[in-house]
Amino acid sequence: MASISTNKRRRTAADTLHISDLPVGFIVNVSAYLPKPSRSILAVAFTSSSSSQNDDLMHRLSPISTAIISAYQWDTLDFEDVEKELANKLTDNDISAVLKRSINAHDMLKRLKLCGCINIIGHGLKPLQRSTVLELIDISLIGRHDNPSIHMKSNISEEDTVPILDSIISSDGCSLKYIQFPQKWKYISRETHPIAELKTRYNQQLNHRGFGCSKCNRNMNAQEWLNTVCWLIPASAMTA
């Protein structure tokens, strides 16, 4: 009797269905009900880890992951669309996997808003290095209806983030039009500070491109930019 019971348990375990056993089309249709960031995270969840020792974020897209990614446009990724509880738990590894192996953000993503992603440090944004398609990046971590004066715990690091933004700004064909920094970076005024230096370089780059105020279409000088909460919104930045 014991042998029969053991075999029965083994057969039951072997016959257990996994979500990946469902038809690909069914999973893709279900993913349509999820916000875009959640779809991209789902695609990552279906990837297989690579054995490569040189890139611990290397993933191989499974047929399910490929189908999910191929079914949608990935020009915008706004994490305010997901539950705050989920956004609060996301790490740099999660963000990097989404940007690099899931949606190929370097060549596709135009707008990225990391609202609520308070656990990221910044190195997860490396897949965006030297991107020439990115137009908007919001790393303030503040949502549309959040009070920016309320202190929000944030681990984001200027040492990790500034070099990535700098690589985008300095790229030939740069399309970046709008940067929203964390509130705590707004009041940095020391000229030799990395944030202040980045602001100056970006201001020069935008002036070279001829961008100005989104409302009156006049050029903004560096001082006006440094004193603005929502820095450098050119005339066409928020259209579409």
Protein backbone atom coordinates (compact mmCIF):
# COMPACT_ATOMS: atom_id res chain seq x y z
CA MET A 1 0.00 0.00 0.00
CA ALA A 2 2.86 2.34 0.82
CA SER A 3 4.38 1.71 -2.62
CA ILE A 4 1.09 2.43 -4.38
CA SER A 5 0.65 5.65 -2.36
CA THR A 6 4.21 6.80 -3.21
CA ASN A 7 3.72 6.15 -6.93
CA LYS A 8 0.48 8.06 -6.84
CA ARG A 9 2.17 11.06 -5.25
CA ARG A 10 4.97 10.94 -7.85
CA ARG A 11 2.52 10.81 -10.72
CA THR A 12 0.60 13.72 -9.30
CA ALA A 13 3.74 15.86 -9.00
CA ALA A 14 4.89 14.97 -12.51
CA ASP A 15 1.48 15.80 -13.97
CA THR A 16 1.25 19.22 -12.29
CA LEU A 17 0.86 21.98 -14.85
CA HIS A 18 3.06 25.08 -14.79
CA ILE A 19 1.92 28.45 -16.10
CA SER A 20 4.48 28.13 -18.91
CA ASP A 21 2.58 25.04 -20.12
CA LEU A 22 -0.37 27.24 -21.09
CA PRO A 23 -0.74 28.24 -24.75
CA VAL A 24 1.44 31.22 -25.66
CA GLY A 25 -1.50 33.09 -27.18
CA PHE A 26 -3.49 32.72 -23.98
CA ILE A 27 -0.70 34.22 -21.85
CA VAL A 28 -0.23 37.09 -24.31
CA ASN A 29 -3.97 37.85 -24.20
CA VAL A 30 -3.93 37.82 -20.39
CA SER A 31 -0.91 40.14 -20.32
CA ALA A 32 -2.96 42.72 -22.25
CA TYR A 33 -4.87 43.39 -19.03
CA LEU A 34 -1.68 44.35 -17.21
CA PRO A 35 -0.04 47.80 -17.18
CA LYS A 36 2.95 47.99 -19.50
CA PRO A 37 5.59 47.82 -16.76
CA SER A 38 3.91 44.70 -15.40
CA ARG A 39 3.90 43.14 -18.87
CA SER A 40 7.62 43.75 -19.21
CA ILE A 41 8.25 42.26 -15.76
CA LEU A 42 6.13 39.23 -16.74
CA ALA A 43 8.26 38.80 -19.87
CA VAL A 44 11.40 38.86 -17.71
CA ALA A 45 9.87 36.25 -15.42
CA PHE A 46 9.59 33.85 -18.36
CA THR A 47 13.23 34.25 -19.41
CA SER A 48 15.96 31.73 -18.72
CA SER A 49 19.12 32.79 -16.92
CA SER A 50 22.28 32.58 -19.00
CA SER A 51 25.30 30.63 -17.87
CA SER A 52 27.50 33.58 -18.82
CA GLN A 53 29.80 34.61 -15.99
CA ASN A 54 30.44 38.02 -17.55
CA ASP A 55 26.89 39.35 -17.36
CA ASP A 56 24.75 38.31 -14.42
CA LEU A 57 21.79 40.10 -16.02
CA MET A 58 22.07 38.17 -19.25
CA HIS A 59 18.78 36.50 -20.13
CA ARG A 60 17.60 34.40 -23.01
CA LEU A 61 14.09 35.28 -24.11
CA SER A 62 11.73 32.33 -24.09
CA PRO A 63 9.04 31.96 -26.78
CA ILE A 64 6.49 33.29 -24.28
CA SER A 65 8.66 36.31 -23.44
CA THR A 66 9.22 37.03 -27.12
CA ALA A 67 5.50 36.83 -27.82
CA ILE A 68 4.63 39.21 -24.98
CA ILE A 69 7.24 41.76 -26.07
CA SER A 70 6.36 41.51 -29.75
CA ALA A 71 2.67 42.16 -29.10
CA TYR A 72 3.12 45.73 -27.87
CA GLN A 73 4.87 49.03 -28.55
CA TRP A 74 7.52 49.96 -26.00
CA ASP A 75 8.11 53.67 -26.52
CA THR A 76 6.76 54.54 -23.05
CA LEU A 77 7.26 52.89 -19.66
CA ASP A 78 5.55 54.56 -16.70
CA PHE A 79 5.85 52.76 -13.37
CA GLU A 80 3.13 54.91 -11.87
CA ASP A 81 0.77 52.57 -13.70
CA VAL A 82 1.67 49.70 -11.37
CA GLU A 83 0.80 49.22 -7.72
CA LYS A 84 3.07 51.22 -5.40
CA GLU A 85 3.74 48.09 -3.38
CA LEU A 86 5.30 46.47 -6.46
CA ALA A 87 7.17 49.60 -7.58
CA ASN A 88 8.65 49.98 -4.08
CA LYS A 89 10.14 46.47 -4.25
CA LEU A 90 11.83 46.74 -7.64
CA THR A 91 15.63 46.72 -7.65
CA ASP A 92 18.26 47.84 -10.16
CA ASN A 93 18.54 44.25 -11.38
CA ASP A 94 14.80 44.23 -12.11
CA ILE A 95 14.93 47.54 -13.98
CA SER A 96 18.03 46.52 -15.94
CA ALA A 97 16.49 43.20 -16.96
CA VAL A 98 13.37 44.99 -18.20
CA LEU A 99 15.29 47.67 -20.09
CA LYS A 100 17.97 45.47 -21.61
CA ARG A 101 16.64 41.96 -22.13
CA SER A 102 12.93 42.57 -22.21
CA ILE A 103 12.10 45.64 -24.27
CA ASN A 104 15.47 46.67 -25.80
CA ALA A 105 15.04 50.13 -24.31
CA HIS A 106 18.28 51.48 -25.83
CA ASP A 107 16.72 51.44 -29.28
CA MET A 108 13.00 51.62 -28.48
CA LEU A 109 12.19 53.56 -25.31
CA LYS A 110 11.34 57.26 -25.62
CA ARG A 111 9.82 57.98 -22.20
CA LEU A 112 10.72 56.44 -18.84
CA LYS A 113 9.11 57.37 -15.52
CA LEU A 114 10.31 55.53 -12.43
CA CYS A 115 7.60 56.73 -10.06
CA GLY A 116 7.66 54.84 -6.79
CA CYS A 117 10.85 52.86 -7.53
CA ILE A 118 12.46 54.04 -4.30
CA ASN A 119 14.83 51.08 -3.98
CA ILE A 120 16.81 51.68 -7.15
CA ILE A 121 20.31 53.10 -6.86
CA GLY A 122 20.82 53.98 -10.51
CA HIS A 123 23.08 51.38 -12.10
CA GLY A 124 19.97 49.61 -13.41
CA LEU A 125 19.69 52.39 -15.98
CA LYS A 126 22.91 51.32 -17.74
CA PRO A 127 21.01 49.81 -20.70
CA LEU A 128 20.09 53.41 -21.60
CA GLN A 129 23.71 54.52 -21.97
CA ARG A 130 24.27 56.50 -25.18
CA SER A 131 20.62 56.15 -26.18
CA THR A 132 19.68 58.50 -29.03
CA VAL A 133 15.93 57.80 -28.89
CA LEU A 134 15.18 58.61 -25.24
CA GLU A 135 13.24 61.88 -25.00
CA LEU A 136 12.07 61.95 -21.40
CA ILE A 137 13.36 60.45 -18.16
CA ASP A 138 11.80 61.02 -14.76
CA ILE A 139 13.89 59.80 -11.84
CA SER A 140 12.15 62.00 -9.27
CA LEU A 141 10.30 58.89 -8.06
CA ILE A 142 7.30 61.18 -7.38
CA GLY A 143 3.92 60.40 -8.91
CA ARG A 144 1.60 62.87 -10.58
CA HIS A 145 -0.53 63.31 -7.46
CA ASP A 146 2.26 63.11 -4.90
CA ASN A 147 3.39 66.19 -3.01
CA PRO A 148 7.04 66.83 -4.01
CA SER A 149 7.67 68.60 -0.72
CA ILE A 150 7.07 65.37 1.18
CA HIS A 151 10.38 63.65 1.85
CA MET A 152 10.43 60.30 0.12
CA LYS A 153 13.00 57.75 1.08
CA SER A 154 15.25 57.31 -1.94
CA ASN A 155 18.40 55.32 -2.52
CA ILE A 156 19.14 56.77 -5.95
CA SER A 157 22.79 57.70 -6.31
CA GLU A 158 24.26 60.55 -8.32
CA GLU A 159 27.50 58.56 -8.70
CA ASP A 160 25.62 55.83 -10.57
CA THR A 161 23.10 57.98 -12.41
CA VAL A 162 25.05 61.03 -13.62
CA PRO A 163 27.49 59.11 -15.88
CA ILE A 164 24.57 57.38 -17.58
CA LEU A 165 22.73 60.64 -18.21
CA ASP A 166 25.98 62.24 -19.34
CA SER A 167 26.50 59.50 -21.93
CA ILE A 168 23.02 60.18 -23.33
CA ILE A 169 23.52 63.95 -23.46
CA SER A 170 26.91 63.66 -25.17
CA SER A 171 25.74 61.21 -27.84
CA ASP A 172 25.46 62.40 -31.41
CA GLY A 173 21.80 62.60 -32.32
CA CYS A 174 20.67 62.97 -28.69
CA SER A 175 16.88 63.30 -28.46
CA LEU A 176 16.61 63.92 -24.71
CA LYS A 177 14.30 66.86 -24.05
CA TYR A 178 13.16 66.51 -20.46
CA ILE A 179 14.82 65.40 -17.22
CA GLN A 180 13.06 65.30 -13.87
CA PHE A 181 15.59 64.88 -11.08
CA PRO A 182 14.89 63.87 -7.47
CA GLN A 183 13.70 66.76 -5.34
CA LYS A 184 16.80 66.53 -3.16
CA TRP A 185 18.98 67.34 -6.19
CA LYS A 186 17.12 70.53 -7.05
CA TYR A 187 18.93 72.80 -4.63
CA ILE A 188 22.47 71.75 -5.50
CA SER A 189 24.22 74.93 -6.59
CA ARG A 190 27.94 74.31 -6.09
CA GLU A 191 29.37 74.67 -9.60
CA THR A 192 31.83 71.80 -9.21
CA HIS A 193 29.18 69.36 -8.01
CA PRO A 194 28.52 66.56 -10.55
CA ILE A 195 24.79 67.40 -10.66
CA ALA A 196 25.44 71.11 -11.30
CA GLU A 197 28.01 70.25 -13.97
CA LEU A 198 25.54 67.91 -15.65
CA LYS A 199 22.87 70.61 -15.64
CA THR A 200 25.27 73.05 -17.24
CA ARG A 201 26.32 70.61 -19.98
CA TYR A 202 22.72 69.69 -20.68
CA ASN A 203 21.68 73.33 -20.79
CA GLN A 204 24.43 74.05 -23.31
CA GLN A 205 23.40 71.07 -25.38
CA LEU A 206 19.75 72.16 -25.44
CA ASN A 207 20.68 75.74 -26.27
CA HIS A 208 22.69 74.38 -29.16
CA ARG A 209 19.56 72.56 -30.34
CA GLY A 210 17.50 75.72 -29.85
CA PHE A 211 14.97 74.46 -27.31
CA GLY A 212 13.09 76.82 -25.06
CA CYS A 213 10.10 77.23 -22.78
CA SER A 214 7.14 75.01 -23.62
CA LYS A 215 4.62 77.83 -23.03
CA CYS A 216 6.19 80.96 -24.47
CA ASN A 217 8.72 79.27 -26.78
CA ARG A 218 11.55 81.55 -25.60
CA ASN A 219 15.04 80.29 -24.88
CA MET A 220 15.88 79.53 -21.26
CA ASN A 221 19.21 80.51 -19.83
CA ALA A 222 21.17 78.36 -17.41
CA GLN A 223 20.08 80.22 -14.28
CA GLU A 224 16.39 79.91 -15.17
CA TRP A 225 16.88 76.21 -15.70
CA LEU A 226 18.69 75.68 -12.41
CA ASN A 227 15.85 77.38 -10.54
CA THR A 228 13.10 75.34 -12.17
CA VAL A 229 11.51 72.27 -10.59
CA CYS A 230 10.61 70.65 -13.90
CA TRP A 231 13.77 71.38 -15.80
CA LEU A 232 13.86 72.24 -19.48
CA ILE A 233 10.56 71.35 -21.06
CA PRO A 234 10.99 72.30 -24.71
CA ALA A 235 8.10 73.19 -26.94
CA SER A 236 7.57 69.71 -28.35
CA ALA A 237 8.69 67.59 -25.43
CA MET A 238 5.34 66.59 -24.04
CA THR A 239 3.30 66.29 -27.22
CA ALA A 240 1.99 62.98 -28.53
